Amino acid sequence: MSNLNRAGNSPARITVSPAARLINGPDFGDLRRNMDDLFGRWFGEIPFSPFSVTPSTIQPAVDILETPEAYVLCATLPGINRDDLDLEVTGDTITIQGERKAREEDKNEIYHVRNIGFGTFRIAYTLPAHIDASGVKADYKDGVLEVTLPKVETAKTRSIKVSVG
């Protein structure tokens, strides 16, 4: 392999920008904590700050899709016990709350990386139509919660044929 770049010159030097050094360097965690403190002073507690590095918050990833008959909510909740989940459906709103318990720590263990969040969470979504609470079905398997939320009869779309003349 040649040591020349496409133009036939000597190899290009790769330089790392100061911003990249900051982001990838050891002080970035301190910067993020300082940003949390700063925004916290202005706006109060920010439970899910984009700068948060504390592994004590959980924000489940959620998808909600709509079919003609129902809404289907899928949430990834790995490491959360089924007994630590609670669902509530009221009118057009679904609320999910739960807790991922922290791993018991040994005094002889030292974390080098700690990204797995723990603690409690509560998320609520307002759907475009009311839900038939009596028909809600939830399944929790392999850390994925799937909730089928049937629409009430009046919220279902209905096609009407218009007759001509």
C-alpha atoms as a PDB file:
ATOM      1  CA  MET A   1       0.000   0.000   0.000  1.00  0.00           C
ATOM      2  CA  SER A   2       1.264   3.432  -0.906  1.00  0.00           C
ATOM      3  CA  ASN A   3       1.994   6.187   1.599  1.00  0.00           C
ATOM      4  CA  LEU A   4       0.585   8.768  -0.838  1.00  0.00           C
ATOM      5  CA  ASN A   5      -2.893  10.192  -0.870  1.00  0.00           C
ATOM      6  CA  ARG A   6      -5.014  10.336  -4.037  1.00  0.00           C
ATOM      7  CA  ALA A   7      -3.371  13.531  -5.243  1.00  0.00           C
ATOM      8  CA  GLY A   8       0.063  11.901  -5.028  1.00  0.00           C
ATOM      9  CA  ASN A   9       1.123  13.977  -2.046  1.00  0.00           C
ATOM     10  CA  SER A  10       2.331  12.747   1.301  1.00  0.00           C
ATOM     11  CA  PRO A  11      -0.320  11.188   3.576  1.00  0.00           C
ATOM     12  CA  ALA A  12      -2.882  13.533   5.092  1.00  0.00           C
ATOM     13  CA  ARG A  13      -2.422  14.359   8.754  1.00  0.00           C
ATOM     14  CA  ILE A  14      -5.355  13.607  10.991  1.00  0.00           C
ATOM     15  CA  THR A  15      -5.871  16.315  13.555  1.00  0.00           C
ATOM     16  CA  VAL A  16      -8.254  16.169  16.456  1.00  0.00           C
ATOM     17  CA  SER A  17     -10.213  19.340  17.037  1.00  0.00           C
ATOM     18  CA  PRO A  18     -10.267  20.891  20.504  1.00  0.00           C
ATOM     19  CA  ALA A  19     -14.018  20.164  20.668  1.00  0.00           C
ATOM     20  CA  ALA A  20     -13.424  16.471  19.947  1.00  0.00           C
ATOM     21  CA  ARG A  21     -10.716  16.344  22.618  1.00  0.00           C
ATOM     22  CA  LEU A  22     -13.142  17.962  25.073  1.00  0.00           C
ATOM     23  CA  ILE A  23     -15.974  15.560  24.284  1.00  0.00           C
ATOM     24  CA  ASN A  24     -13.780  12.465  24.336  1.00  0.00           C
ATOM     25  CA  GLY A  25     -11.499  13.591  27.131  1.00  0.00           C
ATOM     26  CA  PRO A  26     -11.689  12.763  30.820  1.00  0.00           C
ATOM     27  CA  ASP A  27     -13.163  16.163  31.777  1.00  0.00           C
ATOM     28  CA  PHE A  28     -16.359  15.863  29.728  1.00  0.00           C
ATOM     29  CA  GLY A  29     -18.231  14.266  32.615  1.00  0.00           C
ATOM     30  CA  ASP A  30     -17.401  17.281  34.756  1.00  0.00           C
ATOM     31  CA  LEU A  31     -18.620  19.612  32.008  1.00  0.00           C
ATOM     32  CA  ARG A  32     -21.902  17.709  31.739  1.00  0.00           C
ATOM     33  CA  ARG A  33     -22.394  17.808  35.511  1.00  0.00           C
ATOM     34  CA  ASN A  34     -21.687  21.546  35.499  1.00  0.00           C
ATOM     35  CA  MET A  35     -24.249  22.036  32.712  1.00  0.00           C
ATOM     36  CA  ASP A  36     -26.825  20.116  34.772  1.00  0.00           C
ATOM     37  CA  ASP A  37     -26.086  22.335  37.762  1.00  0.00           C
ATOM     38  CA  LEU A  38     -26.348  25.489  35.652  1.00  0.00           C
ATOM     39  CA  PHE A  39     -29.652  24.523  34.032  1.00  0.00           C
ATOM     40  CA  GLY A  40     -30.924  23.263  37.374  1.00  0.00           C
ATOM     41  CA  ARG A  41     -30.371  26.703  38.909  1.00  0.00           C
ATOM     42  CA  TRP A  42     -32.308  28.374  36.089  1.00  0.00           C
ATOM     43  CA  PHE A  43     -35.133  25.916  35.556  1.00  0.00           C
ATOM     44  CA  GLY A  44     -35.211  23.775  38.683  1.00  0.00           C
ATOM     45  CA  GLU A  45     -34.724  20.024  38.694  1.00  0.00           C
ATOM     46  CA  ILE A  46     -34.482  18.583  35.165  1.00  0.00           C
ATOM     47  CA  PRO A  47     -35.303  14.892  35.607  1.00  0.00           C
ATOM     48  CA  PHE A  48     -34.136  13.782  32.155  1.00  0.00           C
ATOM     49  CA  SER A  49     -31.503  16.349  31.233  1.00  0.00           C
ATOM     50  CA  PRO A  50     -29.643  15.739  27.982  1.00  0.00           C
ATOM     51  CA  PHE A  51     -26.460  16.418  29.951  1.00  0.00           C
ATOM     52  CA  SER A  52     -27.221  13.965  32.750  1.00  0.00           C
ATOM     53  CA  VAL A  53     -24.572  11.384  33.545  1.00  0.00           C
ATOM     54  CA  THR A  54     -26.186  10.030  36.666  1.00  0.00           C
ATOM     55  CA  PRO A  55     -27.192   6.399  36.143  1.00  0.00           C
ATOM     56  CA  SER A  56     -30.169   6.865  38.442  1.00  0.00           C
ATOM     57  CA  THR A  57     -32.710   7.939  35.845  1.00  0.00           C
ATOM     58  CA  ILE A  58     -34.567   5.766  33.405  1.00  0.00           C
ATOM     59  CA  GLN A  59     -36.261   6.929  30.223  1.00  0.00           C
ATOM     60  CA  PRO A  60     -37.689   3.914  28.404  1.00  0.00           C
ATOM     61  CA  ALA A  61     -37.680   3.928  24.614  1.00  0.00           C
ATOM     62  CA  VAL A  62     -41.302   3.871  23.429  1.00  0.00           C
ATOM     63  CA  ASP A  63     -43.035   3.365  20.075  1.00  0.00           C
ATOM     64  CA  ILE A  64     -46.771   3.917  19.626  1.00  0.00           C
ATOM     65  CA  LEU A  65     -48.456   2.841  16.415  1.00  0.00           C
ATOM     66  CA  GLU A  66     -52.069   2.999  15.301  1.00  0.00           C
ATOM     67  CA  THR A  67     -54.162   0.384  13.536  1.00  0.00           C
ATOM     68  CA  PRO A  68     -57.809   0.867  12.521  1.00  0.00           C
ATOM     69  CA  GLU A  69     -58.908  -0.914  15.720  1.00  0.00           C
ATOM     70  CA  ALA A  70     -56.330   0.038  18.356  1.00  0.00           C
ATOM     71  CA  TYR A  71     -53.126   1.754  19.392  1.00  0.00           C
ATOM     72  CA  VAL A  72     -50.144  -0.445  20.190  1.00  0.00           C
ATOM     73  CA  LEU A  73     -47.482   0.788  22.608  1.00  0.00           C
ATOM     74  CA  CYS A  74     -44.092  -0.946  22.767  1.00  0.00           C
ATOM     75  CA  ALA A  75     -41.595   0.027  25.459  1.00  0.00           C
ATOM     76  CA  THR A  76     -38.131  -1.397  26.084  1.00  0.00           C
ATOM     77  CA  LEU A  77     -37.684  -2.009  29.800  1.00  0.00           C
ATOM     78  CA  PRO A  78     -34.730  -4.380  30.192  1.00  0.00           C
ATOM     79  CA  GLY A  79     -33.867  -5.407  33.718  1.00  0.00           C
ATOM     80  CA  ILE A  80     -37.225  -4.400  35.144  1.00  0.00           C
ATOM     81  CA  ASN A  81     -39.233  -7.071  36.912  1.00  0.00           C
ATOM     82  CA  ARG A  82     -42.833  -7.517  35.779  1.00  0.00           C
ATOM     83  CA  ASP A  83     -43.982  -6.961  39.378  1.00  0.00           C
ATOM     84  CA  ASP A  84     -42.286  -3.545  39.375  1.00  0.00           C
ATOM     85  CA  LEU A  85     -44.420  -2.243  36.471  1.00  0.00           C
ATOM     86  CA  ASP A  86     -47.759  -0.469  36.775  1.00  0.00           C
ATOM     87  CA  LEU A  87     -50.049   0.564  33.893  1.00  0.00           C
ATOM     88  CA  GLU A  88     -53.013   2.918  34.113  1.00  0.00           C
ATOM     89  CA  VAL A  89     -55.420   3.835  31.315  1.00  0.00           C
ATOM     90  CA  THR A  90     -57.814   6.737  31.760  1.00  0.00           C
ATOM     91  CA  GLY A  91     -59.828   8.109  28.844  1.00  0.00           C
ATOM     92  CA  ASP A  92     -57.236   8.855  26.167  1.00  0.00           C
ATOM     93  CA  THR A  93     -54.130   8.592  28.370  1.00  0.00           C
ATOM     94  CA  ILE A  94     -51.861   5.694  29.257  1.00  0.00           C
ATOM     95  CA  THR A  95     -49.404   5.991  32.139  1.00  0.00           C
ATOM     96  CA  ILE A  96     -46.573   3.560  32.756  1.00  0.00           C
ATOM     97  CA  GLN A  97     -44.521   3.626  35.907  1.00  0.00           C
ATOM     98  CA  GLY A  98     -41.963   1.274  37.260  1.00  0.00           C
ATOM     99  CA  GLU A  99     -38.640   0.759  38.916  1.00  0.00           C
ATOM    100  CA  ARG A 100     -35.334  -0.797  37.979  1.00  0.00           C
ATOM    101  CA  LYS A 101     -33.545  -1.724  41.170  1.00  0.00           C
ATOM    102  CA  ALA A 102     -29.863  -0.976  41.523  1.00  0.00           C
ATOM    103  CA  ARG A 103     -27.429  -3.861  41.633  1.00  0.00           C
ATOM    104  CA  GLU A 104     -26.169  -4.574  45.109  1.00  0.00           C
ATOM    105  CA  GLU A 105     -22.694  -3.129  45.379  1.00  0.00           C
ATOM    106  CA  ASP A 106     -19.693  -4.797  46.914  1.00  0.00           C
ATOM    107  CA  LYS A 107     -17.257  -2.516  48.731  1.00  0.00           C
ATOM    108  CA  ASN A 108     -14.417  -4.230  46.857  1.00  0.00           C
ATOM    109  CA  GLU A 109     -15.848  -3.351  43.418  1.00  0.00           C
ATOM    110  CA  ILE A 110     -14.956  -0.213  41.517  1.00  0.00           C
ATOM    111  CA  TYR A 111     -16.994   0.936  38.497  1.00  0.00           C
ATOM    112  CA  HIS A 112     -14.976   2.052  35.505  1.00  0.00           C
ATOM    113  CA  VAL A 113     -18.085   2.630  33.383  1.00  0.00           C
ATOM    114  CA  ARG A 114     -21.608   2.883  34.727  1.00  0.00           C
ATOM    115  CA  ASN A 115     -24.314   3.526  32.159  1.00  0.00           C
ATOM    116  CA  ILE A 116     -27.126   1.256  33.302  1.00  0.00           C
ATOM    117  CA  GLY A 117     -29.756   3.489  34.838  1.00  0.00           C
ATOM    118  CA  PHE A 118     -31.752   2.540  37.893  1.00  0.00           C
ATOM    119  CA  GLY A 119     -34.515   4.129  39.880  1.00  0.00           C
ATOM    120  CA  THR A 120     -38.143   4.902  39.205  1.00  0.00           C
ATOM    121  CA  PHE A 121     -39.788   6.332  36.121  1.00  0.00           C
ATOM    122  CA  ARG A 122     -43.247   7.544  35.167  1.00  0.00           C
ATOM    123  CA  ILE A 123     -44.253   8.326  31.595  1.00  0.00           C
ATOM    124  CA  ALA A 124     -47.684   9.266  30.238  1.00  0.00           C
ATOM    125  CA  TYR A 125     -48.931   9.567  26.679  1.00  0.00           C
ATOM    126  CA  THR A 126     -52.137  11.178  25.481  1.00  0.00           C
ATOM    127  CA  LEU A 127     -53.512   9.354  22.470  1.00  0.00           C
ATOM    128  CA  PRO A 128     -55.648  10.907  19.714  1.00  0.00           C
ATOM    129  CA  ALA A 129     -58.764   8.929  20.761  1.00  0.00           C
ATOM    130  CA  HIS A 130     -60.328   7.446  23.879  1.00  0.00           C
ATOM    131  CA  ILE A 131     -59.393   3.897  24.837  1.00  0.00           C
ATOM    132  CA  ASP A 132     -61.664   1.001  25.777  1.00  0.00           C
ATOM    133  CA  ALA A 133     -60.004   0.287  29.135  1.00  0.00           C
ATOM    134  CA  SER A 134     -61.830  -3.025  29.517  1.00  0.00           C
ATOM    135  CA  GLY A 135     -60.130  -4.402  26.392  1.00  0.00           C
ATOM    136  CA  VAL A 136     -56.535  -3.354  27.122  1.00  0.00           C
ATOM    137  CA  LYS A 137     -54.034  -6.213  26.874  1.00  0.00           C
ATOM    138  CA  ALA A 138     -50.433  -6.092  28.058  1.00  0.00           C
ATOM    139  CA  ASP A 139     -47.632  -8.555  27.429  1.00  0.00           C
ATOM    140  CA  TYR A 140     -44.140  -8.335  28.912  1.00  0.00           C
ATOM    141  CA  LYS A 141     -41.485 -10.597  27.451  1.00  0.00           C
ATOM    142  CA  ASP A 142     -37.688 -10.323  27.220  1.00  0.00           C
ATOM    143  CA  GLY A 143     -37.721  -6.758  28.570  1.00  0.00           C
ATOM    144  CA  VAL A 144     -40.243  -5.486  26.024  1.00  0.00           C
ATOM    145  CA  LEU A 145     -43.683  -4.321  27.105  1.00  0.00           C
ATOM    146  CA  GLU A 146     -46.380  -4.430  24.427  1.00  0.00           C
ATOM    147  CA  VAL A 147     -49.739  -2.895  25.255  1.00  0.00           C
ATOM    148  CA  THR A 148     -52.718  -3.108  22.907  1.00  0.00           C
ATOM    149  CA  LEU A 149     -55.154  -0.261  23.555  1.00  0.00           C
ATOM    150  CA  PRO A 150     -58.424  -0.772  21.659  1.00  0.00           C
ATOM    151  CA  LYS A 151     -60.219   2.373  20.549  1.00  0.00           C
ATOM    152  CA  VAL A 152     -63.731   2.965  21.851  1.00  0.00           C
ATOM    153  CA  GLU A 153     -66.374   2.227  19.244  1.00  0.00           C
ATOM    154  CA  THR A 154     -67.093   5.903  18.527  1.00  0.00           C
ATOM    155  CA  ALA A 155     -63.414   6.613  17.797  1.00  0.00           C
ATOM    156  CA  LYS A 156     -63.040   3.948  15.108  1.00  0.00           C
ATOM    157  CA  THR A 157     -62.912   5.189  11.531  1.00  0.00           C
ATOM    158  CA  ARG A 158     -65.855   4.199   9.400  1.00  0.00           C
ATOM    159  CA  SER A 159     -66.186   4.449   5.624  1.00  0.00           C
ATOM    160  CA  ILE A 160     -69.478   5.749   4.261  1.00  0.00           C
ATOM    161  CA  LYS A 161     -70.409   5.305   0.655  1.00  0.00           C
ATOM    162  CA  VAL A 162     -72.065   8.323  -0.909  1.00  0.00           C
ATOM    163  CA  SER A 163     -74.764   7.542  -3.407  1.00  0.00           C
ATOM    164  CA  VAL A 164     -75.169   9.679  -6.482  1.00  0.00           C
ATOM    165  CA  GLY A 165     -78.439  11.152  -7.249  1.00  0.00           C
END
